Amino acid sequence: MKGKNDDLVEAALEIQEDIRRAYRLHKQHRPVMLFHIQEDRIYAYPYVGYKETLSERSKAMLEKQYEEAQKENKIVVFVRDEATRRLASFSLDHD
């Protein structure tokens, strides 16, 4: 069964090596990564700073996801699509 944001995750997976490369540049800060579809850019944000930009519901989801990602040595990736006003997230292996 397809989820409503599967296309966003698939778009990020197409550039996952670029996301990993960008993450490695800031690895010591353990950033949250954001792929902005319209800008076709990857951003690395400090966890606390990015969390503050989210709704209460999204903050709670990020806290849980970030904690699990840290335990499993994964990267939290958000994908933003301004055209459809959607935001999706998933965890990506470091390699």
PDB file of N, CA and C in Angstrom:
ATOM      1  N   MET A   1       0.836  -1.183   0.000  1.00  0.00           N
ATOM      2  CA  MET A   1       0.000   0.000   0.000  1.00  0.00           C
ATOM      3  C   MET A   1       0.882   1.249   0.000  1.00  0.00           C
ATOM      4  N   LYS A   2       0.585   2.159  -0.873  1.00  0.00           N
ATOM      5  CA  LYS A   2       1.370   3.387  -0.992  1.00  0.00           C
ATOM      6  C   LYS A   2       0.873   4.442  -0.020  1.00  0.00           C
ATOM      7  N   GLY A   3       1.823   5.132   0.598  1.00  0.00           N
ATOM      8  CA  GLY A   3       1.483   6.233   1.483  1.00  0.00           C
ATOM      9  C   GLY A   3       1.388   7.524   0.691  1.00  0.00           C
ATOM     10  N   LYS A   4       0.768   8.528   1.278  1.00  0.00           N
ATOM     11  CA  LYS A   4       0.560   9.786   0.550  1.00  0.00           C
ATOM     12  C   LYS A   4       1.850  10.558   0.316  1.00  0.00           C
ATOM     13  N   ASN A   5       2.913  10.218   1.044  1.00  0.00           N
ATOM     14  CA  ASN A   5       4.179  10.930   0.867  1.00  0.00           C
ATOM     15  C   ASN A   5       5.282  10.053   0.284  1.00  0.00           C
ATOM     16  N   ASP A   6       4.915   8.890  -0.226  1.00  0.00           N
ATOM     17  CA  ASP A   6       5.924   7.992  -0.791  1.00  0.00           C
ATOM     18  C   ASP A   6       6.720   8.654  -1.908  1.00  0.00           C
ATOM     19  N   ASP A   7       6.077   9.499  -2.696  1.00  0.00           N
ATOM     20  CA  ASP A   7       6.780  10.160  -3.792  1.00  0.00           C
ATOM     21  C   ASP A   7       7.861  11.106  -3.267  1.00  0.00           C
ATOM     22  N   LEU A   8       7.623  11.717  -2.113  1.00  0.00           N
ATOM     23  CA  LEU A   8       8.627  12.612  -1.533  1.00  0.00           C
ATOM     24  C   LEU A   8       9.836  11.812  -1.057  1.00  0.00           C
ATOM     25  N   VAL A   9       9.576  10.712  -0.385  1.00  0.00           N
ATOM     26  CA  VAL A   9      10.667   9.856   0.088  1.00  0.00           C
ATOM     27  C   VAL A   9      11.443   9.306  -1.106  1.00  0.00           C
ATOM     28  N   GLU A  10      10.744   8.883  -2.140  1.00  0.00           N
ATOM     29  CA  GLU A  10      11.413   8.365  -3.343  1.00  0.00           C
ATOM     30  C   GLU A  10      12.303   9.429  -3.984  1.00  0.00           C
ATOM     31  N   ALA A  11      11.846  10.673  -4.008  1.00  0.00           N
ATOM     32  CA  ALA A  11      12.653  11.766  -4.572  1.00  0.00           C
ATOM     33  C   ALA A  11      13.946  11.938  -3.784  1.00  0.00           C
ATOM     34  N   ALA A  12      13.855  11.849  -2.462  1.00  0.00           N
ATOM     35  CA  ALA A  12      15.052  11.977  -1.627  1.00  0.00           C
ATOM     36  C   ALA A  12      15.973  10.774  -1.797  1.00  0.00           C
ATOM     37  N   LEU A  13      15.394   9.599  -1.931  1.00  0.00           N
ATOM     38  CA  LEU A  13      16.222   8.403  -2.104  1.00  0.00           C
ATOM     39  C   LEU A  13      17.008   8.448  -3.416  1.00  0.00           C
ATOM     40  N   GLU A  14      16.481   9.142  -4.410  1.00  0.00           N
ATOM     41  CA  GLU A  14      17.193   9.283  -5.686  1.00  0.00           C
ATOM     42  C   GLU A  14      18.492  10.066  -5.508  1.00  0.00           C
ATOM     43  N   ILE A  15      18.557  10.918  -4.489  1.00  0.00           N
ATOM     44  CA  ILE A  15      19.766  11.718  -4.249  1.00  0.00           C
ATOM     45  C   ILE A  15      20.391  11.385  -2.896  1.00  0.00           C
ATOM     46  N   GLN A  16      20.164  10.169  -2.418  1.00  0.00           N
ATOM     47  CA  GLN A  16      20.626   9.806  -1.085  1.00  0.00           C
ATOM     48  C   GLN A  16      22.136   9.938  -0.905  1.00  0.00           C
ATOM     49  N   GLU A  17      22.911   9.696  -1.938  1.00  0.00           N
ATOM     50  CA  GLU A  17      24.369   9.852  -1.808  1.00  0.00           C
ATOM     51  C   GLU A  17      24.727  11.314  -1.573  1.00  0.00           C
ATOM     52  N   ASP A  18      24.015  12.226  -2.218  1.00  0.00           N
ATOM     53  CA  ASP A  18      24.244  13.663  -1.997  1.00  0.00           C
ATOM     54  C   ASP A  18      23.851  14.046  -0.570  1.00  0.00           C
ATOM     55  N   ILE A  19      22.779  13.474  -0.077  1.00  0.00           N
ATOM     56  CA  ILE A  19      22.344  13.750   1.297  1.00  0.00           C
ATOM     57  C   ILE A  19      23.393  13.246   2.279  1.00  0.00           C
ATOM     58  N   ARG A  20      23.899  12.055   2.054  1.00  0.00           N
ATOM     59  CA  ARG A  20      24.940  11.503   2.937  1.00  0.00           C
ATOM     60  C   ARG A  20      26.201  12.372   2.907  1.00  0.00           C
ATOM     61  N   ARG A  21      26.582  12.820   1.711  1.00  0.00           N
ATOM     62  CA  ARG A  21      27.766  13.660   1.568  1.00  0.00           C
ATOM     63  C   ARG A  21      27.591  14.968   2.352  1.00  0.00           C
ATOM     64  N   ALA A  22      26.422  15.581   2.226  1.00  0.00           N
ATOM     65  CA  ALA A  22      26.143  16.823   2.954  1.00  0.00           C
ATOM     66  C   ALA A  22      26.129  16.574   4.464  1.00  0.00           C
ATOM     67  N   TYR A  23      25.589  15.437   4.870  1.00  0.00           N
ATOM     68  CA  TYR A  23      25.566  15.094   6.295  1.00  0.00           C
ATOM     69  C   TYR A  23      26.982  14.979   6.846  1.00  0.00           C
ATOM     70  N   ARG A  24      27.848  14.303   6.101  1.00  0.00           N
ATOM     71  CA  ARG A  24      29.225  14.093   6.564  1.00  0.00           C
ATOM     72  C   ARG A  24      29.953  15.409   6.804  1.00  0.00           C
ATOM     73  N   LEU A  25      29.627  16.443   6.057  1.00  0.00           N
ATOM     74  CA  LEU A  25      30.262  17.753   6.252  1.00  0.00           C
ATOM     75  C   LEU A  25      29.929  18.352   7.614  1.00  0.00           C
ATOM     76  N   HIS A  26      28.805  17.951   8.193  1.00  0.00           N
ATOM     77  CA  HIS A  26      28.328  18.502   9.464  1.00  0.00           C
ATOM     78  C   HIS A  26      28.120  17.417  10.519  1.00  0.00           C
ATOM     79  N   LYS A  27      28.703  16.250  10.282  1.00  0.00           N
ATOM     80  CA  LYS A  27      28.433  15.069  11.105  1.00  0.00           C
ATOM     81  C   LYS A  27      28.610  15.321  12.609  1.00  0.00           C
ATOM     82  N   GLN A  28      29.609  16.101  12.976  1.00  0.00           N
ATOM     83  CA  GLN A  28      29.879  16.327  14.397  1.00  0.00           C
ATOM     84  C   GLN A  28      28.703  16.993  15.109  1.00  0.00           C
ATOM     85  N   HIS A  29      27.828  17.659  14.355  1.00  0.00           N
ATOM     86  CA  HIS A  29      26.655  18.329  14.937  1.00  0.00           C
ATOM     87  C   HIS A  29      25.399  17.456  14.899  1.00  0.00           C
ATOM     88  N   ARG A  30      25.505  16.289  14.274  1.00  0.00           N
ATOM     89  CA  ARG A  30      24.371  15.370  14.120  1.00  0.00           C
ATOM     90  C   ARG A  30      23.118  16.103  13.637  1.00  0.00           C
ATOM     91  N   PRO A  31      23.210  16.712  12.474  1.00  0.00           N
ATOM     92  CA  PRO A  31      22.098  17.539  11.987  1.00  0.00           C
ATOM     93  C   PRO A  31      20.901  16.743  11.481  1.00  0.00           C
ATOM     94  N   VAL A  32      19.810  17.461  11.355  1.00  0.00           N
ATOM     95  CA  VAL A  32      18.625  16.973  10.659  1.00  0.00           C
ATOM     96  C   VAL A  32      18.790  17.466   9.227  1.00  0.00           C
ATOM     97  N   MET A  33      18.581  16.599   8.258  1.00  0.00           N
ATOM     98  CA  MET A  33      18.746  16.981   6.862  1.00  0.00           C
ATOM     99  C   MET A  33      17.389  17.312   6.250  1.00  0.00           C
ATOM    100  N   LEU A  34      17.388  18.301   5.369  1.00  0.00           N
ATOM    101  CA  LEU A  34      16.164  18.697   4.666  1.00  0.00           C
ATOM    102  C   LEU A  34      16.462  18.775   3.180  1.00  0.00           C
ATOM    103  N   PHE A  35      15.660  18.072   2.397  1.00  0.00           N
ATOM    104  CA  PHE A  35      15.725  18.185   0.941  1.00  0.00           C
ATOM    105  C   PHE A  35      14.512  18.992   0.521  1.00  0.00           C
ATOM    106  N   HIS A  36      14.773  20.167  -0.052  1.00  0.00           N
ATOM    107  CA  HIS A  36      13.703  21.060  -0.515  1.00  0.00           C
ATOM    108  C   HIS A  36      13.531  20.808  -2.013  1.00  0.00           C
ATOM    109  N   ILE A  37      12.415  20.231  -2.383  1.00  0.00           N
ATOM    110  CA  ILE A  37      12.203  19.801  -3.767  1.00  0.00           C
ATOM    111  C   ILE A  37      12.241  20.964  -4.759  1.00  0.00           C
ATOM    112  N   GLN A  38      11.495  22.031  -4.505  1.00  0.00           N
ATOM    113  CA  GLN A  38      11.445  23.131  -5.476  1.00  0.00           C
ATOM    114  C   GLN A  38      12.805  23.807  -5.648  1.00  0.00           C
ATOM    115  N   GLU A  39      13.543  23.935  -4.574  1.00  0.00           N
ATOM    116  CA  GLU A  39      14.866  24.562  -4.653  1.00  0.00           C
ATOM    117  C   GLU A  39      15.929  23.575  -5.126  1.00  0.00           C
ATOM    118  N   ASP A  40      15.607  22.273  -5.077  1.00  0.00           N
ATOM    119  CA  ASP A  40      16.553  21.216  -5.400  1.00  0.00           C
ATOM    120  C   ASP A  40      17.838  21.398  -4.596  1.00  0.00           C
ATOM    121  N   ARG A  41      17.631  21.641  -3.285  1.00  0.00           N
ATOM    122  CA  ARG A  41      18.766  21.867  -2.388  1.00  0.00           C
ATOM    123  C   ARG A  41      18.639  20.995  -1.158  1.00  0.00           C
ATOM    124  N   ILE A  42      19.795  20.693  -0.587  1.00  0.00           N
ATOM    125  CA  ILE A  42      19.883  19.917   0.643  1.00  0.00           C
ATOM    126  C   ILE A  42      20.420  20.840   1.725  1.00  0.00           C
ATOM    127  N   TYR A  43      19.745  20.839   2.859  1.00  0.00           N
ATOM    128  CA  TYR A  43      20.148  21.660   3.991  1.00  0.00           C
ATOM    129  C   TYR A  43      20.461  20.772   5.192  1.00  0.00           C
ATOM    130  N   ALA A  44      21.418  21.201   6.009  1.00  0.00           N
ATOM    131  CA  ALA A  44      21.726  20.532   7.277  1.00  0.00           C
ATOM    132  C   ALA A  44      21.378  21.513   8.387  1.00  0.00           C
ATOM    133  N   TYR A  45      20.467  21.112   9.263  1.00  0.00           N
ATOM    134  CA  TYR A  45      20.021  21.987  10.351  1.00  0.00           C
ATOM    135  C   TYR A  45      20.355  21.379  11.703  1.00  0.00           C
ATOM    136  N   PRO A  46      20.722  22.222  12.659  1.00  0.00           N
ATOM    137  CA  PRO A  46      20.868  21.705  14.021  1.00  0.00           C
ATOM    138  C   PRO A  46      19.514  21.166  14.480  1.00  0.00           C
ATOM    139  N   TYR A  47      19.546  20.063  15.183  1.00  0.00           N
ATOM    140  CA  TYR A  47      18.310  19.408  15.633  1.00  0.00           C
ATOM    141  C   TYR A  47      17.392  20.379  16.371  1.00  0.00           C
ATOM    142  N   VAL A  48      17.909  21.060  17.386  1.00  0.00           N
ATOM    143  CA  VAL A  48      17.071  21.943  18.207  1.00  0.00           C
ATOM    144  C   VAL A  48      16.504  23.089  17.371  1.00  0.00           C
ATOM    145  N   GLY A  49      17.328  23.694  16.536  1.00  0.00           N
ATOM    146  CA  GLY A  49      16.868  24.800  15.700  1.00  0.00           C
ATOM    147  C   GLY A  49      15.766  24.378  14.737  1.00  0.00           C
ATOM    148  N   TYR A  50      15.942  23.222  14.120  1.00  0.00           N
ATOM    149  CA  TYR A  50      14.933  22.763  13.171  1.00  0.00           C
ATOM    150  C   TYR A  50      13.640  22.388  13.890  1.00  0.00           C
ATOM    151  N   LYS A  51      13.786  21.740  15.035  1.00  0.00           N
ATOM    152  CA  LYS A  51      12.618  21.317  15.815  1.00  0.00           C
ATOM    153  C   LYS A  51      11.719  22.516  16.137  1.00  0.00           C
ATOM    154  N   GLU A  52      12.326  23.656  16.407  1.00  0.00           N
ATOM    155  CA  GLU A  52      11.565  24.855  16.762  1.00  0.00           C
ATOM    156  C   GLU A  52      10.710  25.387  15.609  1.00  0.00           C
ATOM    157  N   THR A  53      11.004  24.985  14.396  1.00  0.00           N
ATOM    158  CA  THR A  53      10.233  25.460  13.243  1.00  0.00           C
ATOM    159  C   THR A  53       8.980  24.619  13.001  1.00  0.00           C
ATOM    160  N   LEU A  54       8.844  23.523  13.740  1.00  0.00           N
ATOM    161  CA  LEU A  54       7.767  22.577  13.487  1.00  0.00           C
ATOM    162  C   LEU A  54       6.555  22.800  14.388  1.00  0.00           C
ATOM    163  N   SER A  55       5.430  22.235  13.978  1.00  0.00           N
ATOM    164  CA  SER A  55       4.217  22.245  14.793  1.00  0.00           C
ATOM    165  C   SER A  55       4.437  21.334  16.001  1.00  0.00           C
ATOM    166  N   GLU A  56       3.575  21.449  17.000  1.00  0.00           N
ATOM    167  CA  GLU A  56       3.705  20.610  18.196  1.00  0.00           C
ATOM    168  C   GLU A  56       3.664  19.122  17.833  1.00  0.00           C
ATOM    169  N   ARG A  57       2.761  18.751  16.969  1.00  0.00           N
ATOM    170  CA  ARG A  57       2.645  17.346  16.546  1.00  0.00           C
ATOM    171  C   ARG A  57       3.923  16.881  15.859  1.00  0.00           C
ATOM    172  N   SER A  58       4.441  17.705  14.954  1.00  0.00           N
ATOM    173  CA  SER A  58       5.664  17.345  14.231  1.00  0.00           C
ATOM    174  C   SER A  58       6.873  17.310  15.160  1.00  0.00           C
ATOM    175  N   LYS A  59       6.901  18.200  16.167  1.00  0.00           N
ATOM    176  CA  LYS A  59       8.005  18.193  17.138  1.00  0.00           C
ATOM    177  C   LYS A  59       8.062  16.853  17.849  1.00  0.00           C
ATOM    178  N   ALA A  60       6.909  16.378  18.295  1.00  0.00           N
ATOM    179  CA  ALA A  60       6.857  15.096  19.009  1.00  0.00           C
ATOM    180  C   ALA A  60       7.318  13.955  18.105  1.00  0.00           C
ATOM    181  N   MET A  61       6.906  13.984  16.852  1.00  0.00           N
ATOM    182  CA  MET A  61       7.309  12.952  15.905  1.00  0.00           C
ATOM    183  C   MET A  61       8.819  13.006  15.666  1.00  0.00           C
ATOM    184  N   LEU A  62       9.360  14.222  15.532  1.00  0.00           N
ATOM    185  CA  LEU A  62      10.794  14.382  15.299  1.00  0.00           C
ATOM    186  C   LEU A  62      11.590  13.878  16.502  1.00  0.00           C
ATOM    187  N   GLU A  63      11.152  14.217  17.706  1.00  0.00           N
ATOM    188  CA  GLU A  63      11.872  13.771  18.903  1.00  0.00           C
ATOM    189  C   GLU A  63      12.055  12.257  18.901  1.00  0.00           C
ATOM    190  N   LYS A  64      10.964  11.554  18.666  1.00  0.00           N
ATOM    191  CA  LYS A  64      11.006  10.088  18.653  1.00  0.00           C
ATOM    192  C   LYS A  64      11.894   9.576  17.517  1.00  0.00           C
ATOM    193  N   GLN A  65      11.704  10.132  16.331  1.00  0.00           N
ATOM    194  CA  GLN A  65      12.468   9.678  15.167  1.00  0.00           C
ATOM    195  C   GLN A  65      13.962   9.973  15.337  1.00  0.00           C
ATOM    196  N   TYR A  66      14.294  11.149  15.851  1.00  0.00           N
ATOM    197  CA  TYR A  66      15.696  11.540  16.019  1.00  0.00           C
ATOM    198  C   TYR A  66      16.373  10.643  17.053  1.00  0.00           C
ATOM    199  N   GLU A  67      15.673  10.379  18.154  1.00  0.00           N
ATOM    200  CA  GLU A  67      16.210   9.512  19.198  1.00  0.00           C
ATOM    201  C   GLU A  67      16.504   8.114  18.646  1.00  0.00           C
ATOM    202  N   GLU A  68      15.555   7.558  17.903  1.00  0.00           N
ATOM    203  CA  GLU A  68      15.750   6.229  17.301  1.00  0.00           C
ATOM    204  C   GLU A  68      16.886   6.246  16.283  1.00  0.00           C
ATOM    205  N   ALA A  69      16.946   7.298  15.488  1.00  0.00           N
ATOM    206  CA  ALA A  69      17.994   7.405  14.466  1.00  0.00           C
ATOM    207  C   ALA A  69      19.375   7.461  15.112  1.00  0.00           C
ATOM    208  N   GLN A  70      19.496   8.184  16.221  1.00  0.00           N
ATOM    209  CA  GLN A  70      20.784   8.268  16.901  1.00  0.00           C
ATOM    210  C   GLN A  70      21.216   6.899  17.424  1.00  0.00           C
ATOM    211  N   LYS A  71      20.276   6.149  17.984  1.00  0.00           N
ATOM    212  CA  LYS A  71      20.574   4.808  18.505  1.00  0.00           C
ATOM    213  C   LYS A  71      21.008   3.870  17.384  1.00  0.00           C
ATOM    214  N   GLU A  72      20.381   4.008  16.218  1.00  0.00           N
ATOM    215  CA  GLU A  72      20.635   3.104  15.091  1.00  0.00           C
ATOM    216  C   GLU A  72      21.671   3.659  14.117  1.00  0.00           C
ATOM    217  N   ASN A  73      22.299   4.784  14.484  1.00  0.00           N
ATOM    218  CA  ASN A  73      23.319   5.415  13.644  1.00  0.00           C
ATOM    219  C   ASN A  73      22.764   5.764  12.258  1.00  0.00           C
ATOM    220  N   LYS A  74      21.610   6.412  12.250  1.00  0.00           N
ATOM    221  CA  LYS A  74      20.964   6.802  10.994  1.00  0.00           C
ATOM    222  C   LYS A  74      20.826   8.324  10.925  1.00  0.00           C
ATOM    223  N   ILE A  75      20.449   8.795   9.755  1.00  0.00           N
ATOM    224  CA  ILE A  75      20.261  10.218   9.482  1.00  0.00           C
ATOM    225  C   ILE A  75      18.764  10.487   9.347  1.00  0.00           C
ATOM    226  N   VAL A  76      18.275  11.522  10.027  1.00  0.00           N
ATOM    227  CA  VAL A  76      16.875  11.918   9.862  1.00  0.00           C
ATOM    228  C   VAL A  76      16.814  12.874   8.670  1.00  0.00           C
ATOM    229  N   VAL A  77      15.971  12.532   7.706  1.00  0.00           N
ATOM    230  CA  VAL A  77      15.830  13.328   6.490  1.00  0.00           C
ATOM    231  C   VAL A  77      14.380  13.802   6.362  1.00  0.00           C
ATOM    232  N   PHE A  78      14.221  15.102   6.147  1.00  0.00           N
ATOM    233  CA  PHE A  78      12.914  15.669   5.844  1.00  0.00           C
ATOM    234  C   PHE A  78      12.897  16.036   4.373  1.00  0.00           C
ATOM    235  N   VAL A  79      11.732  15.925   3.768  1.00  0.00           N
ATOM    236  CA  VAL A  79      11.546  16.308   2.366  1.00  0.00           C
ATOM    237  C   VAL A  79      10.381  17.290   2.338  1.00  0.00           C
ATOM    238  N   ARG A  80      10.643  18.488   1.816  1.00  0.00           N
ATOM    239  CA  ARG A  80       9.612  19.526   1.768  1.00  0.00           C
ATOM    240  C   ARG A  80       9.199  19.771   0.324  1.00  0.00           C
ATOM    241  N   ASP A  81       7.883  19.772   0.108  1.00  0.00           N
ATOM    242  CA  ASP A  81       7.319  20.087  -1.204  1.00  0.00           C
ATOM    243  C   ASP A  81       6.357  21.250  -1.007  1.00  0.00           C
ATOM    244  N   GLU A  82       6.823  22.435  -1.337  1.00  0.00           N
ATOM    245  CA  GLU A  82       6.005  23.640  -1.165  1.00  0.00           C
ATOM    246  C   GLU A  82       4.787  23.631  -2.088  1.00  0.00           C
ATOM    247  N   ALA A  83       4.931  23.051  -3.264  1.00  0.00           N
ATOM    248  CA  ALA A  83       3.841  23.052  -4.245  1.00  0.00           C
ATOM    249  C   ALA A  83       2.602  22.330  -3.711  1.00  0.00           C
ATOM    250  N   THR A  84       2.833  21.248  -2.984  1.00  0.00           N
ATOM    251  CA  THR A  84       1.704  20.482  -2.450  1.00  0.00           C
ATOM    252  C   THR A  84       1.550  20.673  -0.933  1.00  0.00           C
ATOM    253  N   ARG A  85       2.388  21.537  -0.372  1.00  0.00           N
ATOM    254  CA  ARG A  85       2.355  21.840   1.069  1.00  0.00           C
ATOM    255  C   ARG A  85       2.477  20.568   1.908  1.00  0.00           C
ATOM    256  N   ARG A  86       3.461  19.737   1.537  1.00  0.00           N
ATOM    257  CA  ARG A  86       3.684  18.495   2.268  1.00  0.00           C
ATOM    258  C   ARG A  86       5.101  18.449   2.816  1.00  0.00           C
ATOM    259  N   LEU A  87       5.231  17.754   3.928  1.00  0.00           N
ATOM    260  CA  LEU A  87       6.518  17.519   4.560  1.00  0.00           C
ATOM    261  C   LEU A  87       6.544  16.054   4.985  1.00  0.00           C
ATOM    262  N   ALA A  88       7.570  15.353   4.571  1.00  0.00           N
ATOM    263  CA  ALA A  88       7.710  13.941   4.927  1.00  0.00           C
ATOM    264  C   ALA A  88       9.068  13.746   5.592  1.00  0.00           C
ATOM    265  N   SER A  89       9.177  12.699   6.389  1.00  0.00           N
ATOM    266  CA  SER A  89      10.473  12.400   6.986  1.00  0.00           C
ATOM    267  C   SER A  89      10.693  10.893   7.006  1.00  0.00           C
ATOM    268  N   PHE A  90      11.965  10.526   7.042  1.00  0.00           N
ATOM    269  CA  PHE A  90      12.361   9.133   7.142  1.00  0.00           C
ATOM    270  C   PHE A  90      13.790   9.094   7.645  1.00  0.00           C
ATOM    271  N   SER A  91      14.253   7.907   8.005  1.00  0.00           N
ATOM    272  CA  SER A  91      15.626   7.733   8.450  1.00  0.00           C
ATOM    273  C   SER A  91      16.422   7.015   7.372  1.00  0.00           C
ATOM    274  N   LEU A  92      17.646   7.467   7.193  1.00  0.00           N
ATOM    275  CA  LEU A  92      18.507   6.969   6.123  1.00  0.00           C
ATOM    276  C   LEU A  92      19.784   6.401   6.748  1.00  0.00           C
ATOM    277  N   ASP A  93      20.225   5.245   6.267  1.00  0.00           N
ATOM    278  CA  ASP A  93      21.484   4.686   6.741  1.00  0.00           C
ATOM    279  C   ASP A  93      22.637   5.621   6.383  1.00  0.00           C
ATOM    280  N   HIS A  94      23.679   5.622   7.227  1.00  0.00           N
ATOM    281  CA  HIS A  94      24.839   6.470   6.954  1.00  0.00           C
ATOM    282  C   HIS A  94      25.562   6.056   5.684  1.00  0.00           C
ATOM    283  N   ASP A  95      25.602   4.741   5.405  1.00  0.00           N
ATOM    284  CA  ASP A  95      26.282   4.313   4.171  1.00  0.00           C
ATOM    285  C   ASP A  95      25.427   3.404   3.355  1.00  0.00           C
TER     286      ASP A  95
END
